Amino acid sequence: MLELLLIAQLSLTSITEISVIGAHGVDLSTTSWAIGFDSDKFKESNPILKHFSNKPIPLGLAKVGLALGVNIPLRLYIKPRSKLWYNVINIGQTIAIGYVAYRNQDLVKK
């Protein structure tokens, strides 16, 4: 019950921020899982991160760095000017990154 009260007090902006961070975490875990499952078959598809495919710790650090590199400027520059666009961008990121994570898991199942 306490959890529901805490969630009810969160603003839309907080919820979209949490969803983006969660999507990045799920993407990182499913990518690492797929690469660990079969490193010959699965590689990182992001061209910026591709050369980290066989190095799990640098891959994780690079993915987190990329997420921070995108989201910190958004938080600093877009959020103060327009919370609407900030939330729209966060929702878009969540959908896109969530799809990538879903695809990663779906590829391993095949």
C-alpha atoms as a PDB file:
ATOM      1  CA  MET A   1       0.000   0.000   0.000  1.00  0.00           C
ATOM      2  CA  LEU A   2       2.834   2.395   0.838  1.00  0.00           C
ATOM      3  CA  GLU A   3       4.367   1.784  -2.595  1.00  0.00           C
ATOM      4  CA  LEU A   4       1.112   2.816  -4.288  1.00  0.00           C
ATOM      5  CA  LEU A   5       1.027   6.033  -2.280  1.00  0.00           C
ATOM      6  CA  LEU A   6       4.609   6.819  -3.252  1.00  0.00           C
ATOM      7  CA  ILE A   7       3.901   6.138  -6.932  1.00  0.00           C
ATOM      8  CA  ALA A   8       0.779   8.318  -6.800  1.00  0.00           C
ATOM      9  CA  GLN A   9       2.908  11.238  -5.589  1.00  0.00           C
ATOM     10  CA  LEU A  10       5.337  11.005  -8.519  1.00  0.00           C
ATOM     11  CA  SER A  11       4.895  13.541 -11.283  1.00  0.00           C
ATOM     12  CA  LEU A  12       4.676  12.576 -14.942  1.00  0.00           C
ATOM     13  CA  THR A  13       8.193  13.934 -15.389  1.00  0.00           C
ATOM     14  CA  SER A  14       9.543  11.683 -12.639  1.00  0.00           C
ATOM     15  CA  ILE A  15       7.764   8.678 -14.121  1.00  0.00           C
ATOM     16  CA  THR A  16       9.203   9.331 -17.601  1.00  0.00           C
ATOM     17  CA  GLU A  17      12.697   9.771 -16.141  1.00  0.00           C
ATOM     18  CA  ILE A  18      12.409   6.482 -14.257  1.00  0.00           C
ATOM     19  CA  SER A  19      11.105   4.732 -17.382  1.00  0.00           C
ATOM     20  CA  VAL A  20      14.077   5.907 -19.474  1.00  0.00           C
ATOM     21  CA  ILE A  21      16.587   4.726 -16.878  1.00  0.00           C
ATOM     22  CA  GLY A  22      14.744   1.403 -16.610  1.00  0.00           C
ATOM     23  CA  ALA A  23      14.734   0.961 -20.388  1.00  0.00           C
ATOM     24  CA  HIS A  24      18.477   1.595 -20.552  1.00  0.00           C
ATOM     25  CA  GLY A  25      19.024  -0.961 -17.769  1.00  0.00           C
ATOM     26  CA  VAL A  26      16.917  -3.577 -19.533  1.00  0.00           C
ATOM     27  CA  ASP A  27      18.730  -2.898 -22.817  1.00  0.00           C
ATOM     28  CA  LEU A  28      22.098  -3.320 -21.133  1.00  0.00           C
ATOM     29  CA  SER A  29      21.084  -6.567 -19.455  1.00  0.00           C
ATOM     30  CA  THR A  30      19.486  -8.118 -22.545  1.00  0.00           C
ATOM     31  CA  THR A  31      22.411  -7.095 -24.760  1.00  0.00           C
ATOM     32  CA  SER A  32      24.893  -8.567 -22.291  1.00  0.00           C
ATOM     33  CA  TRP A  33      22.776 -11.710 -21.960  1.00  0.00           C
ATOM     34  CA  ALA A  34      22.549 -12.183 -25.751  1.00  0.00           C
ATOM     35  CA  ILE A  35      26.283 -11.634 -26.242  1.00  0.00           C
ATOM     36  CA  GLY A  36      27.061 -13.976 -23.355  1.00  0.00           C
ATOM     37  CA  PHE A  37      24.656 -16.556 -24.783  1.00  0.00           C
ATOM     38  CA  ASP A  38      26.465 -16.722 -28.142  1.00  0.00           C
ATOM     39  CA  SER A  39      29.142 -14.110 -28.799  1.00  0.00           C
ATOM     40  CA  ASP A  40      29.712 -15.408 -32.340  1.00  0.00           C
ATOM     41  CA  LYS A  41      26.073 -14.942 -33.312  1.00  0.00           C
ATOM     42  CA  PHE A  42      25.159 -11.779 -31.357  1.00  0.00           C
ATOM     43  CA  LYS A  43      26.948  -8.439 -31.542  1.00  0.00           C
ATOM     44  CA  GLU A  44      26.106  -4.940 -30.418  1.00  0.00           C
ATOM     45  CA  SER A  45      24.276  -3.281 -33.318  1.00  0.00           C
ATOM     46  CA  ASN A  46      24.942   0.331 -32.296  1.00  0.00           C
ATOM     47  CA  PRO A  47      27.878   1.396 -34.503  1.00  0.00           C
ATOM     48  CA  ILE A  48      29.331   3.534 -31.701  1.00  0.00           C
ATOM     49  CA  LEU A  49      29.380   0.586 -29.292  1.00  0.00           C
ATOM     50  CA  LYS A  50      29.994  -2.261 -31.753  1.00  0.00           C
ATOM     51  CA  HIS A  51      33.705  -2.706 -31.025  1.00  0.00           C
ATOM     52  CA  PHE A  52      32.894  -3.372 -27.337  1.00  0.00           C
ATOM     53  CA  SER A  53      30.799  -6.459 -28.191  1.00  0.00           C
ATOM     54  CA  ASN A  54      33.304  -8.956 -26.786  1.00  0.00           C
ATOM     55  CA  LYS A  55      34.245  -6.818 -23.745  1.00  0.00           C
ATOM     56  CA  PRO A  56      31.350  -6.843 -21.258  1.00  0.00           C
ATOM     57  CA  ILE A  57      32.607  -4.286 -18.730  1.00  0.00           C
ATOM     58  CA  PRO A  58      33.621  -1.642 -21.294  1.00  0.00           C
ATOM     59  CA  LEU A  59      30.337  -2.310 -23.134  1.00  0.00           C
ATOM     60  CA  GLY A  60      28.355  -1.645 -19.956  1.00  0.00           C
ATOM     61  CA  LEU A  61      30.351   1.483 -19.177  1.00  0.00           C
ATOM     62  CA  ALA A  62      29.978   2.748 -22.741  1.00  0.00           C
ATOM     63  CA  LYS A  63      26.200   2.130 -22.734  1.00  0.00           C
ATOM     64  CA  VAL A  64      25.810   3.926 -19.399  1.00  0.00           C
ATOM     65  CA  GLY A  65      28.026   6.764 -20.643  1.00  0.00           C
ATOM     66  CA  LEU A  66      25.980   7.102 -23.814  1.00  0.00           C
ATOM     67  CA  ALA A  67      22.741   7.147 -21.809  1.00  0.00           C
ATOM     68  CA  LEU A  68      24.135   9.837 -19.521  1.00  0.00           C
ATOM     69  CA  GLY A  69      25.523  11.773 -22.476  1.00  0.00           C
ATOM     70  CA  VAL A  70      22.035  11.970 -23.975  1.00  0.00           C
ATOM     71  CA  ASN A  71      19.939  12.396 -20.837  1.00  0.00           C
ATOM     72  CA  ILE A  72      21.958  14.890 -18.808  1.00  0.00           C
ATOM     73  CA  PRO A  73      21.843  17.568 -21.545  1.00  0.00           C
ATOM     74  CA  LEU A  74      18.123  16.876 -22.012  1.00  0.00           C
ATOM     75  CA  ARG A  75      17.552  17.347 -18.295  1.00  0.00           C
ATOM     76  CA  LEU A  76      19.651  20.518 -18.150  1.00  0.00           C
ATOM     77  CA  TYR A  77      18.494  22.233 -21.341  1.00  0.00           C
ATOM     78  CA  ILE A  78      15.113  20.880 -22.466  1.00  0.00           C
ATOM     79  CA  LYS A  79      13.364  20.262 -19.134  1.00  0.00           C
ATOM     80  CA  PRO A  80      13.614  23.873 -17.860  1.00  0.00           C
ATOM     81  CA  ARG A  81      12.277  25.199 -21.180  1.00  0.00           C
ATOM     82  CA  SER A  82       9.492  22.723 -21.903  1.00  0.00           C
ATOM     83  CA  LYS A  83       8.430  19.880 -19.643  1.00  0.00           C
ATOM     84  CA  LEU A  84       6.033  18.720 -22.341  1.00  0.00           C
ATOM     85  CA  TRP A  85       8.818  18.127 -24.885  1.00  0.00           C
ATOM     86  CA  TYR A  86      11.053  16.686 -22.184  1.00  0.00           C
ATOM     87  CA  ASN A  87       8.377  14.113 -21.334  1.00  0.00           C
ATOM     88  CA  VAL A  88       7.656  13.381 -25.012  1.00  0.00           C
ATOM     89  CA  ILE A  89      11.379  12.752 -25.656  1.00  0.00           C
ATOM     90  CA  ASN A  90      11.606  10.518 -22.570  1.00  0.00           C
ATOM     91  CA  ILE A  91       8.570   8.499 -23.654  1.00  0.00           C
ATOM     92  CA  GLY A  92      10.050   8.154 -27.148  1.00  0.00           C
ATOM     93  CA  GLN A  93      13.363   6.966 -25.729  1.00  0.00           C
ATOM     94  CA  THR A  94      11.588   4.469 -23.499  1.00  0.00           C
ATOM     95  CA  ILE A  95       9.641   3.023 -26.436  1.00  0.00           C
ATOM     96  CA  ALA A  96      12.676   2.840 -28.737  1.00  0.00           C
ATOM     97  CA  ILE A  97      15.076   1.389 -26.164  1.00  0.00           C
ATOM     98  CA  GLY A  98      12.394  -0.933 -24.813  1.00  0.00           C
ATOM     99  CA  TYR A  99      11.856  -2.280 -28.334  1.00  0.00           C
ATOM    100  CA  VAL A 100      15.583  -2.891 -28.734  1.00  0.00           C
ATOM    101  CA  ALA A 101      15.643  -4.795 -25.435  1.00  0.00           C
ATOM    102  CA  TYR A 102      12.595  -6.828 -26.500  1.00  0.00           C
ATOM    103  CA  ARG A 103      14.265  -7.602 -29.843  1.00  0.00           C
ATOM    104  CA  ASN A 104      17.457  -8.702 -28.077  1.00  0.00           C
ATOM    105  CA  GLN A 105      15.533 -11.172 -25.945  1.00  0.00           C
ATOM    106  CA  ASP A 106      13.428 -12.356 -28.880  1.00  0.00           C
ATOM    107  CA  LEU A 107      16.547 -13.049 -31.013  1.00  0.00           C
ATOM    108  CA  VAL A 108      18.054 -15.273 -28.335  1.00  0.00           C
ATOM    109  CA  LYS A 109      14.857 -17.338 -28.100  1.00  0.00           C
ATOM    110  CA  LYS A 110      15.009 -18.218 -31.834  1.00  0.00           C
END
